[in-house]
Amino acid sequence: MPHDSPPHLTQIAGPHDVAPGLREELIGCWIDVTNAGGAAGFPFPPVGQGDVAPVMDELLGRLDPRSGRLLVARVDGELAGWVVLKRDPYRLVGHWGTIHHLQTHPAFRGRGIGSALVHELRRIARDELGLEQLRLAARGGEGLEEFYGRLGWREVGRWPEALRFAPDDTRDEILMVLAPL
């Protein structure tokens, strides 16, 4: 089925705002993204429900209108992708946030879902949370720095060979920032 409709974005600001069934959809998306090779938090596929569900429950439990948001993209009613924004809890760096777990379901890749999520997250960070900059860490060797670069992010550093997937597969962790918002 072609998915030609633009994504509909929904912001979730607290654990009690998670609609029935959404938790299972998010877990299913995370499993599908990871098992398709996506760099979304589980580096060693395959993963299943038992791996992802406890991490999802922790993530959803930490949502808070002041410090953590979940943004969900749907196309024609189907979950197409999601991302998490967290404000740093420490006053010294409380003016910035971090994005985590940006993912687009494999069935929706190449449709601008990830870009739409990042653009809206930027707006939420600036207009609703009063943040001044965002940061993220991305897995090297996946082309993610190019993706984020097209959206205005810039690389500010690397942790060389920080990520070891196998004895012959060690990659940099790429540190990126988006400022000003």
N, C-alpha and C. Protein backbone atom coordinates (compact mmCIF):
# COMPACT_ATOMS: atom_id res chain seq x y z
N MET A 1 0.84 -1.18 0.00
CA MET A 1 0.00 0.00 0.00
C MET A 1 0.88 1.24 0.00
N PRO A 2 0.75 2.12 -0.99
CA PRO A 2 1.56 3.34 -1.00
C PRO A 2 1.07 4.28 0.09
N HIS A 3 2.02 4.97 0.69
CA HIS A 3 1.72 5.92 1.76
C HIS A 3 2.07 7.30 1.25
N ASP A 4 1.11 7.94 0.57
CA ASP A 4 1.39 9.22 -0.06
C ASP A 4 0.96 10.41 0.79
N SER A 5 0.28 10.16 1.88
CA SER A 5 -0.17 11.25 2.74
C SER A 5 0.99 11.81 3.54
N PRO A 6 0.92 13.10 3.89
CA PRO A 6 1.97 13.67 4.77
C PRO A 6 1.80 13.10 6.17
N PRO A 7 2.88 13.12 6.95
CA PRO A 7 2.76 12.58 8.31
C PRO A 7 1.94 13.49 9.21
N HIS A 8 1.19 12.86 10.10
CA HIS A 8 0.48 13.57 11.16
C HIS A 8 1.31 13.37 12.42
N LEU A 9 1.72 14.47 13.04
CA LEU A 9 2.60 14.42 14.21
C LEU A 9 1.81 14.67 15.48
N THR A 10 2.06 13.84 16.49
CA THR A 10 1.41 13.96 17.78
C THR A 10 2.47 13.99 18.87
N GLN A 11 2.34 14.96 19.76
CA GLN A 11 3.26 15.10 20.87
C GLN A 11 2.66 14.45 22.12
N ILE A 12 3.49 13.72 22.84
CA ILE A 12 3.06 13.08 24.08
C ILE A 12 3.98 13.59 25.18
N ALA A 13 3.37 14.19 26.22
CA ALA A 13 4.14 14.88 27.24
C ALA A 13 4.20 14.14 28.57
N GLY A 14 3.45 13.07 28.72
CA GLY A 14 3.47 12.35 29.98
C GLY A 14 3.05 10.91 29.80
N PRO A 15 3.40 10.06 30.74
CA PRO A 15 3.07 8.63 30.63
C PRO A 15 1.57 8.38 30.49
N HIS A 16 0.75 9.22 31.12
CA HIS A 16 -0.70 9.02 31.07
C HIS A 16 -1.30 9.47 29.75
N ASP A 17 -0.49 10.12 28.90
CA ASP A 17 -0.97 10.58 27.59
C ASP A 17 -0.78 9.51 26.51
N VAL A 18 -0.18 8.39 26.88
CA VAL A 18 0.07 7.32 25.91
C VAL A 18 -1.25 6.59 25.67
N ALA A 19 -1.78 6.71 24.47
CA ALA A 19 -3.06 6.10 24.12
C ALA A 19 -2.97 4.57 24.15
N PRO A 20 -4.08 3.91 24.42
CA PRO A 20 -4.07 2.45 24.40
C PRO A 20 -3.55 1.92 23.06
N GLY A 21 -2.68 0.97 23.13
CA GLY A 21 -2.11 0.36 21.93
C GLY A 21 -0.85 1.04 21.42
N LEU A 22 -0.62 2.29 21.80
CA LEU A 22 0.55 3.00 21.30
C LEU A 22 1.84 2.34 21.78
N ARG A 23 1.89 1.95 23.04
CA ARG A 23 3.09 1.29 23.57
C ARG A 23 3.48 0.11 22.69
N GLU A 24 2.53 -0.72 22.34
CA GLU A 24 2.81 -1.90 21.52
C GLU A 24 3.26 -1.50 20.11
N GLU A 25 2.66 -0.44 19.56
CA GLU A 25 3.09 0.04 18.24
C GLU A 25 4.53 0.54 18.28
N LEU A 26 4.86 1.30 19.33
CA LEU A 26 6.22 1.82 19.46
C LEU A 26 7.23 0.69 19.60
N ILE A 27 6.91 -0.30 20.41
CA ILE A 27 7.79 -1.46 20.58
C ILE A 27 7.96 -2.18 19.25
N GLY A 28 6.87 -2.41 18.54
CA GLY A 28 6.94 -3.08 17.24
C GLY A 28 7.79 -2.32 16.24
N CYS A 29 7.64 -1.00 16.22
CA CYS A 29 8.45 -0.16 15.33
C CYS A 29 9.92 -0.29 15.69
N TRP A 30 10.24 -0.21 16.98
CA TRP A 30 11.63 -0.28 17.43
C TRP A 30 12.25 -1.62 17.06
N ILE A 31 11.49 -2.68 17.22
CA ILE A 31 11.97 -4.02 16.83
C ILE A 31 12.24 -4.05 15.33
N ASP A 32 11.28 -3.57 14.54
CA ASP A 32 11.44 -3.60 13.08
C ASP A 32 12.61 -2.74 12.61
N VAL A 33 12.76 -1.56 13.20
CA VAL A 33 13.87 -0.66 12.82
C VAL A 33 15.21 -1.31 13.17
N THR A 34 15.31 -1.83 14.38
CA THR A 34 16.57 -2.44 14.82
C THR A 34 16.92 -3.66 13.97
N ASN A 35 15.95 -4.51 13.74
CA ASN A 35 16.21 -5.74 13.00
C ASN A 35 16.46 -5.49 11.52
N ALA A 36 16.10 -4.29 11.04
CA ALA A 36 16.41 -3.89 9.66
C ALA A 36 17.77 -3.18 9.59
N GLY A 37 18.48 -3.10 10.73
CA GLY A 37 19.82 -2.49 10.74
C GLY A 37 19.85 -1.05 11.19
N GLY A 38 18.74 -0.51 11.67
CA GLY A 38 18.69 0.89 12.09
C GLY A 38 19.49 1.14 13.36
N ALA A 39 20.06 2.33 13.44
CA ALA A 39 20.87 2.74 14.60
C ALA A 39 19.97 3.47 15.58
N ALA A 40 19.15 2.72 16.32
CA ALA A 40 18.13 3.35 17.17
C ALA A 40 18.20 2.90 18.63
N GLY A 41 19.36 2.47 19.09
CA GLY A 41 19.50 2.18 20.50
C GLY A 41 19.80 0.74 20.86
N PHE A 42 19.55 -0.19 19.98
CA PHE A 42 19.89 -1.59 20.22
C PHE A 42 20.90 -2.00 19.15
N PRO A 43 22.18 -2.04 19.49
CA PRO A 43 23.21 -2.25 18.47
C PRO A 43 23.39 -3.68 18.00
N PHE A 44 22.76 -4.65 18.66
CA PHE A 44 23.03 -6.04 18.32
C PHE A 44 21.75 -6.79 17.98
N PRO A 45 21.27 -6.63 16.73
CA PRO A 45 20.07 -7.37 16.33
C PRO A 45 20.40 -8.86 16.21
N PRO A 46 19.41 -9.71 16.26
CA PRO A 46 17.99 -9.37 16.33
C PRO A 46 17.56 -9.10 17.77
N VAL A 47 16.51 -8.28 17.88
CA VAL A 47 15.88 -8.01 19.16
C VAL A 47 14.41 -8.42 19.06
N GLY A 48 13.81 -8.62 20.22
CA GLY A 48 12.39 -8.97 20.28
C GLY A 48 11.69 -8.21 21.37
N GLN A 49 10.47 -8.58 21.61
CA GLN A 49 9.61 -7.94 22.61
C GLN A 49 10.28 -7.90 23.98
N GLY A 50 10.91 -8.99 24.40
CA GLY A 50 11.53 -9.05 25.71
C GLY A 50 12.70 -8.10 25.88
N ASP A 51 13.36 -7.76 24.77
CA ASP A 51 14.47 -6.81 24.82
C ASP A 51 13.97 -5.37 24.87
N VAL A 52 12.99 -5.08 24.04
CA VAL A 52 12.57 -3.69 23.81
C VAL A 52 11.53 -3.22 24.83
N ALA A 53 10.61 -4.07 25.23
CA ALA A 53 9.51 -3.64 26.11
C ALA A 53 9.99 -2.99 27.41
N PRO A 54 10.96 -3.55 28.14
CA PRO A 54 11.37 -2.89 29.38
C PRO A 54 12.02 -1.52 29.14
N VAL A 55 12.74 -1.38 28.05
CA VAL A 55 13.37 -0.10 27.74
C VAL A 55 12.29 0.92 27.36
N MET A 56 11.30 0.47 26.61
CA MET A 56 10.19 1.36 26.24
C MET A 56 9.42 1.80 27.48
N ASP A 57 9.18 0.88 28.40
CA ASP A 57 8.44 1.24 29.61
C ASP A 57 9.20 2.28 30.41
N GLU A 58 10.51 2.13 30.50
CA GLU A 58 11.33 3.13 31.21
C GLU A 58 11.27 4.48 30.50
N LEU A 59 11.38 4.46 29.18
CA LEU A 59 11.34 5.69 28.39
C LEU A 59 9.99 6.39 28.57
N LEU A 60 8.89 5.66 28.47
CA LEU A 60 7.57 6.26 28.61
C LEU A 60 7.35 6.77 30.03
N GLY A 61 7.89 6.06 31.01
CA GLY A 61 7.74 6.47 32.40
C GLY A 61 8.46 7.76 32.74
N ARG A 62 9.46 8.13 31.95
CA ARG A 62 10.23 9.36 32.21
C ARG A 62 9.68 10.58 31.46
N LEU A 63 8.63 10.41 30.68
CA LEU A 63 8.05 11.56 29.99
C LEU A 63 7.48 12.53 31.02
N ASP A 64 7.69 13.81 30.75
CA ASP A 64 7.24 14.85 31.68
C ASP A 64 7.09 16.13 30.87
N PRO A 65 6.00 16.86 31.05
CA PRO A 65 5.80 18.07 30.26
C PRO A 65 6.93 19.09 30.36
N ARG A 66 7.68 19.09 31.47
CA ARG A 66 8.77 20.05 31.65
C ARG A 66 10.10 19.55 31.12
N SER A 67 10.23 18.22 30.97
CA SER A 67 11.58 17.73 30.67
C SER A 67 11.68 16.60 29.66
N GLY A 68 10.60 16.04 29.21
CA GLY A 68 10.72 14.95 28.25
C GLY A 68 9.48 14.81 27.41
N ARG A 69 9.68 14.71 26.12
CA ARG A 69 8.55 14.59 25.19
C ARG A 69 8.80 13.45 24.22
N LEU A 70 7.73 12.85 23.79
CA LEU A 70 7.73 11.85 22.72
C LEU A 70 6.95 12.44 21.56
N LEU A 71 7.50 12.36 20.38
CA LEU A 71 6.82 12.84 19.18
C LEU A 71 6.62 11.65 18.26
N VAL A 72 5.38 11.44 17.85
CA VAL A 72 4.99 10.28 17.05
C VAL A 72 4.50 10.76 15.69
N ALA A 73 4.93 10.06 14.62
CA ALA A 73 4.46 10.37 13.26
C ALA A 73 3.59 9.21 12.78
N ARG A 74 2.43 9.56 12.23
CA ARG A 74 1.54 8.57 11.63
C ARG A 74 1.26 8.99 10.19
N VAL A 75 1.13 7.99 9.35
CA VAL A 75 0.72 8.20 7.96
C VAL A 75 -0.46 7.28 7.72
N ASP A 76 -1.57 7.87 7.32
CA ASP A 76 -2.80 7.10 7.10
C ASP A 76 -3.12 6.20 8.28
N GLY A 77 -2.89 6.73 9.49
CA GLY A 77 -3.21 6.00 10.71
C GLY A 77 -2.17 5.01 11.18
N GLU A 78 -1.15 4.75 10.38
CA GLU A 78 -0.10 3.80 10.75
C GLU A 78 1.08 4.52 11.37
N LEU A 79 1.68 3.91 12.40
CA LEU A 79 2.87 4.48 13.02
C LEU A 79 4.01 4.45 12.00
N ALA A 80 4.53 5.63 11.68
CA ALA A 80 5.59 5.75 10.68
C ALA A 80 6.94 6.05 11.31
N GLY A 81 6.96 6.60 12.54
CA GLY A 81 8.22 6.90 13.20
C GLY A 81 7.98 7.63 14.50
N TRP A 82 9.08 7.82 15.24
CA TRP A 82 8.99 8.52 16.53
C TRP A 82 10.37 8.97 16.97
N VAL A 83 10.38 9.88 17.95
CA VAL A 83 11.61 10.42 18.51
C VAL A 83 11.33 10.93 19.92
N VAL A 84 12.37 10.99 20.74
CA VAL A 84 12.25 11.47 22.12
C VAL A 84 13.15 12.69 22.30
N LEU A 85 12.65 13.67 23.03
CA LEU A 85 13.41 14.85 23.43
C LEU A 85 13.50 14.87 24.95
N LYS A 86 14.71 15.09 25.47
CA LYS A 86 14.90 15.20 26.92
C LYS A 86 15.65 16.49 27.22
N ARG A 87 15.14 17.22 28.21
CA ARG A 87 15.83 18.39 28.72
C ARG A 87 16.84 17.90 29.75
N ASP A 88 18.01 18.49 29.76
CA ASP A 88 19.00 18.10 30.76
C ASP A 88 18.51 18.59 32.13
N PRO A 89 18.59 17.74 33.16
CA PRO A 89 18.06 18.12 34.47
C PRO A 89 18.96 19.07 35.27
N TYR A 90 20.17 19.29 34.83
CA TYR A 90 21.10 20.11 35.60
C TYR A 90 21.02 21.57 35.17
N ARG A 91 20.91 22.45 36.14
CA ARG A 91 20.72 23.88 35.87
C ARG A 91 21.80 24.46 34.97
N LEU A 92 23.03 24.05 35.16
CA LEU A 92 24.14 24.58 34.39
C LEU A 92 23.94 24.38 32.89
N VAL A 93 23.34 23.28 32.50
CA VAL A 93 23.11 22.98 31.07
C VAL A 93 21.61 22.80 30.77
N GLY A 94 20.79 23.39 31.60
CA GLY A 94 19.34 23.28 31.44
C GLY A 94 18.77 24.00 30.25
N HIS A 95 19.60 24.72 29.50
CA HIS A 95 19.14 25.45 28.32
C HIS A 95 19.22 24.60 27.05
N TRP A 96 19.67 23.35 27.18
CA TRP A 96 19.70 22.49 26.00
C TRP A 96 19.06 21.15 26.28
N GLY A 97 18.73 20.49 25.19
CA GLY A 97 18.10 19.17 25.27
C GLY A 97 18.82 18.20 24.37
N THR A 98 18.46 16.94 24.51
CA THR A 98 19.07 15.87 23.72
C THR A 98 17.96 15.09 23.03
N ILE A 99 18.18 14.76 21.77
CA ILE A 99 17.22 13.89 21.09
C ILE A 99 17.75 12.46 21.11
N HIS A 100 16.80 11.55 21.24
CA HIS A 100 17.11 10.13 21.35
C HIS A 100 16.18 9.30 20.47
N HIS A 101 16.71 8.24 19.95
CA HIS A 101 15.94 7.17 19.30
C HIS A 101 15.13 7.61 18.09
N LEU A 102 15.60 8.59 17.34
CA LEU A 102 14.88 8.96 16.12
C LEU A 102 14.82 7.74 15.21
N GLN A 103 13.62 7.39 14.81
CA GLN A 103 13.48 6.24 13.92
C GLN A 103 12.27 6.37 13.02
N THR A 104 12.44 5.86 11.82
CA THR A 104 11.37 5.76 10.84
C THR A 104 11.17 4.29 10.54
N HIS A 105 9.94 3.84 10.61
CA HIS A 105 9.66 2.44 10.30
C HIS A 105 10.15 2.14 8.88
N PRO A 106 10.76 0.97 8.67
CA PRO A 106 11.30 0.65 7.34
C PRO A 106 10.30 0.81 6.19
N ALA A 107 9.03 0.59 6.43
CA ALA A 107 8.01 0.74 5.38
C ALA A 107 7.81 2.19 4.96
N PHE A 108 8.32 3.14 5.75
CA PHE A 108 8.11 4.56 5.48
C PHE A 108 9.40 5.32 5.19
N ARG A 109 10.50 4.63 5.04
CA ARG A 109 11.78 5.31 4.80
C ARG A 109 11.76 6.04 3.47
N GLY A 110 12.50 7.14 3.44
CA GLY A 110 12.60 7.92 2.21
C GLY A 110 11.41 8.81 1.95
N ARG A 111 10.53 8.97 2.92
CA ARG A 111 9.33 9.77 2.74
C ARG A 111 9.36 11.08 3.51
N GLY A 112 10.49 11.38 4.18
CA GLY A 112 10.60 12.63 4.92
C GLY A 112 10.06 12.56 6.34
N ILE A 113 9.79 11.36 6.83
CA ILE A 113 9.26 11.21 8.18
C ILE A 113 10.28 11.69 9.21
N GLY A 114 11.53 11.23 9.10
CA GLY A 114 12.58 11.63 10.03
C GLY A 114 12.78 13.14 10.03
N SER A 115 12.80 13.73 8.85
CA SER A 115 12.96 15.18 8.75
C SER A 115 11.80 15.92 9.40
N ALA A 116 10.57 15.45 9.17
CA ALA A 116 9.40 16.09 9.77
C ALA A 116 9.47 16.00 11.29
N LEU A 117 9.88 14.85 11.81
CA LEU A 117 10.01 14.69 13.26
C LEU A 117 11.05 15.66 13.83
N VAL A 118 12.20 15.77 13.18
CA VAL A 118 13.26 16.64 13.68
C VAL A 118 12.83 18.11 13.62
N HIS A 119 12.17 18.52 12.54
CA HIS A 119 11.71 19.91 12.43
C HIS A 119 10.71 20.25 13.52
N GLU A 120 9.76 19.36 13.77
CA GLU A 120 8.76 19.62 14.81
C GLU A 120 9.38 19.57 16.20
N LEU A 121 10.32 18.66 16.40
CA LEU A 121 10.99 18.59 17.70
C LEU A 121 11.77 19.87 17.98
N ARG A 122 12.35 20.43 16.95
CA ARG A 122 13.06 21.70 17.09
C ARG A 122 12.10 22.79 17.54
N ARG A 123 10.92 22.83 16.94
CA ARG A 123 9.90 23.83 17.31
C ARG A 123 9.46 23.63 18.76
N ILE A 124 9.20 22.40 19.15
CA ILE A 124 8.78 22.09 20.52
C ILE A 124 9.86 22.53 21.51
N ALA A 125 11.11 22.18 21.20
CA ALA A 125 12.23 22.51 22.08
C ALA A 125 12.32 24.02 22.29
N ARG A 126 12.20 24.77 21.21
CA ARG A 126 12.33 26.23 21.27
C ARG A 126 11.09 26.88 21.87
N ASP A 127 9.93 26.59 21.31
CA ASP A 127 8.72 27.33 21.65
C ASP A 127 8.03 26.86 22.91
N GLU A 128 8.11 25.58 23.22
CA GLU A 128 7.39 25.05 24.37
C GLU A 128 8.28 24.82 25.58
N LEU A 129 9.52 24.42 25.34
CA LEU A 129 10.41 24.14 26.46
C LEU A 129 11.43 25.25 26.70
N GLY A 130 11.50 26.22 25.79
CA GLY A 130 12.41 27.35 25.96
C GLY A 130 13.88 26.97 25.85
N LEU A 131 14.17 25.90 25.14
CA LEU A 131 15.56 25.46 24.97
C LEU A 131 16.26 26.31 23.92
N GLU A 132 17.57 26.37 24.02
CA GLU A 132 18.37 27.17 23.10
C GLU A 132 19.18 26.32 22.12
N GLN A 133 19.42 25.07 22.47
CA GLN A 133 20.16 24.19 21.56
C GLN A 133 19.81 22.74 21.85
N LEU A 134 20.05 21.91 20.85
CA LEU A 134 19.85 20.47 20.96
C LEU A 134 21.16 19.77 20.64
N ARG A 135 21.32 18.59 21.20
CA ARG A 135 22.49 17.78 20.89
C ARG A 135 22.06 16.35 20.67
N LEU A 136 22.95 15.59 20.06
CA LEU A 136 22.73 14.17 19.86
C LEU A 136 24.06 13.49 19.63
N ALA A 137 24.06 12.19 19.81
CA ALA A 137 25.21 11.36 19.48
C ALA A 137 24.72 10.34 18.46
N ALA A 138 25.44 10.23 17.35
CA ALA A 138 25.03 9.34 16.26
C ALA A 138 26.12 8.31 15.99
N ARG A 139 25.70 7.16 15.55
CA ARG A 139 26.61 6.08 15.20
C ARG A 139 27.29 6.39 13.87
N GLY A 140 28.63 6.36 13.87
CA GLY A 140 29.38 6.55 12.64
C GLY A 140 29.17 5.40 11.68
N GLY A 141 29.44 5.66 10.41
CA GLY A 141 29.35 4.62 9.40
C GLY A 141 27.95 4.36 8.88
N GLU A 142 26.99 5.19 9.27
CA GLU A 142 25.59 4.99 8.85
C GLU A 142 25.09 6.12 7.96
N GLY A 143 25.90 7.16 7.75
CA GLY A 143 25.46 8.31 6.97
C GLY A 143 24.58 9.27 7.75
N LEU A 144 24.53 9.10 9.06
CA LEU A 144 23.65 9.94 9.87
C LEU A 144 24.11 11.39 9.94
N GLU A 145 25.43 11.61 9.90
CA GLU A 145 25.90 12.99 9.95
C GLU A 145 25.44 13.78 8.72
N GLU A 146 25.32 13.11 7.58
CA GLU A 146 24.81 13.78 6.37
C GLU A 146 23.33 14.09 6.52
N PHE A 147 22.57 13.12 7.03
CA PHE A 147 21.14 13.33 7.25
C PHE A 147 20.92 14.54 8.15
N TYR A 148 21.54 14.53 9.33
CA TYR A 148 21.36 15.63 10.26
C TYR A 148 21.95 16.93 9.73
N GLY A 149 23.04 16.86 9.00
CA GLY A 149 23.63 18.05 8.41
C GLY A 149 22.67 18.77 7.49
N ARG A 150 21.89 18.01 6.71
CA ARG A 150 20.90 18.63 5.82
C ARG A 150 19.80 19.35 6.61
N LEU A 151 19.66 19.01 7.88
CA LEU A 151 18.62 19.62 8.72
C LEU A 151 19.17 20.73 9.61
N GLY A 152 20.43 21.13 9.36
CA GLY A 152 21.01 22.25 10.08
C GLY A 152 21.92 21.88 11.24
N TRP A 153 22.06 20.62 11.52
CA TRP A 153 22.94 20.18 12.60
C TRP A 153 24.39 20.27 12.14
N ARG A 154 25.30 20.46 13.10
CA ARG A 154 26.72 20.44 12.76
C ARG A 154 27.47 19.52 13.70
N GLU A 155 28.46 18.88 13.15
CA GLU A 155 29.31 18.00 13.95
C GLU A 155 30.22 18.86 14.82
N VAL A 156 30.30 18.51 16.11
CA VAL A 156 31.16 19.26 17.02
C VAL A 156 32.26 18.38 17.61
N GLY A 157 32.25 17.12 17.28
CA GLY A 157 33.30 16.24 17.79
C GLY A 157 32.98 14.78 17.53
N ARG A 158 33.95 13.96 17.87
CA ARG A 158 33.80 12.52 17.73
C ARG A 158 34.51 11.84 18.88
N TRP A 159 33.96 10.72 19.28
CA TRP A 159 34.67 9.83 20.17
C TRP A 159 35.20 8.71 19.28
N PRO A 160 36.48 8.78 18.92
CA PRO A 160 37.03 7.80 17.97
C PRO A 160 36.91 6.37 18.49
N GLU A 161 36.47 5.52 17.62
CA GLU A 161 36.36 4.07 17.89
C GLU A 161 35.65 3.78 19.20
N ALA A 162 34.63 4.58 19.52
CA ALA A 162 33.90 4.43 20.78
C ALA A 162 32.93 3.25 20.76
N LEU A 163 32.48 2.86 19.59
CA LEU A 163 31.44 1.84 19.48
C LEU A 163 32.02 0.59 18.82
N ARG A 164 32.01 -0.52 19.54
CA ARG A 164 32.55 -1.78 19.00
C ARG A 164 31.41 -2.77 18.82
N PHE A 165 31.09 -3.02 17.57
CA PHE A 165 30.02 -3.95 17.22
C PHE A 165 30.54 -5.37 17.05
N ALA A 166 31.78 -5.47 16.66
CA ALA A 166 32.45 -6.76 16.49
C ALA A 166 33.95 -6.46 16.48
N PRO A 167 34.79 -7.47 16.65
CA PRO A 167 36.24 -7.19 16.67
C PRO A 167 36.73 -6.41 15.45
N ASP A 168 36.08 -6.60 14.31
CA ASP A 168 36.49 -5.90 13.09
C ASP A 168 35.53 -4.79 12.68
N ASP A 169 34.66 -4.35 13.60
CA ASP A 169 33.69 -3.30 13.30
C ASP A 169 33.61 -2.33 14.48
N THR A 170 34.54 -1.38 14.50
CA THR A 170 34.58 -0.34 15.53
C THR A 170 34.35 0.99 14.84
N ARG A 171 33.45 1.80 15.40
CA ARG A 171 33.07 3.06 14.76
C ARG A 171 33.14 4.23 15.73
N ASP A 172 33.22 5.41 15.14
CA ASP A 172 33.19 6.63 15.93
C ASP A 172 31.77 6.90 16.39
N GLU A 173 31.66 7.58 17.52
CA GLU A 173 30.39 8.16 17.92
C GLU A 173 30.49 9.64 17.56
N ILE A 174 29.53 10.12 16.78
CA ILE A 174 29.56 11.47 16.24
C ILE A 174 28.70 12.37 17.12
N LEU A 175 29.29 13.45 17.60
CA LEU A 175 28.59 14.39 18.47
C LEU A 175 28.13 15.57 17.62
N MET A 176 26.81 15.88 17.70
CA MET A 176 26.27 16.93 16.85
C MET A 176 25.43 17.88 17.69
N VAL A 177 25.31 19.12 17.19
CA VAL A 177 24.56 20.15 17.87
C VAL A 177 23.69 20.91 16.85
N LEU A 178 22.56 21.37 17.32
CA LEU A 178 21.68 22.23 16.54
C LEU A 178 21.45 23.49 17.37
N ALA A 179 22.04 24.58 16.92
CA ALA A 179 21.92 25.86 17.64
C ALA A 179 22.19 26.98 16.64
N PRO A 180 21.49 28.07 16.73
CA PRO A 180 20.36 28.31 17.62
C PRO A 180 19.12 27.60 17.11
N LEU A 181 18.16 27.45 18.00
CA LEU A 181 16.92 26.81 17.60
C LEU A 181 15.99 27.83 16.95
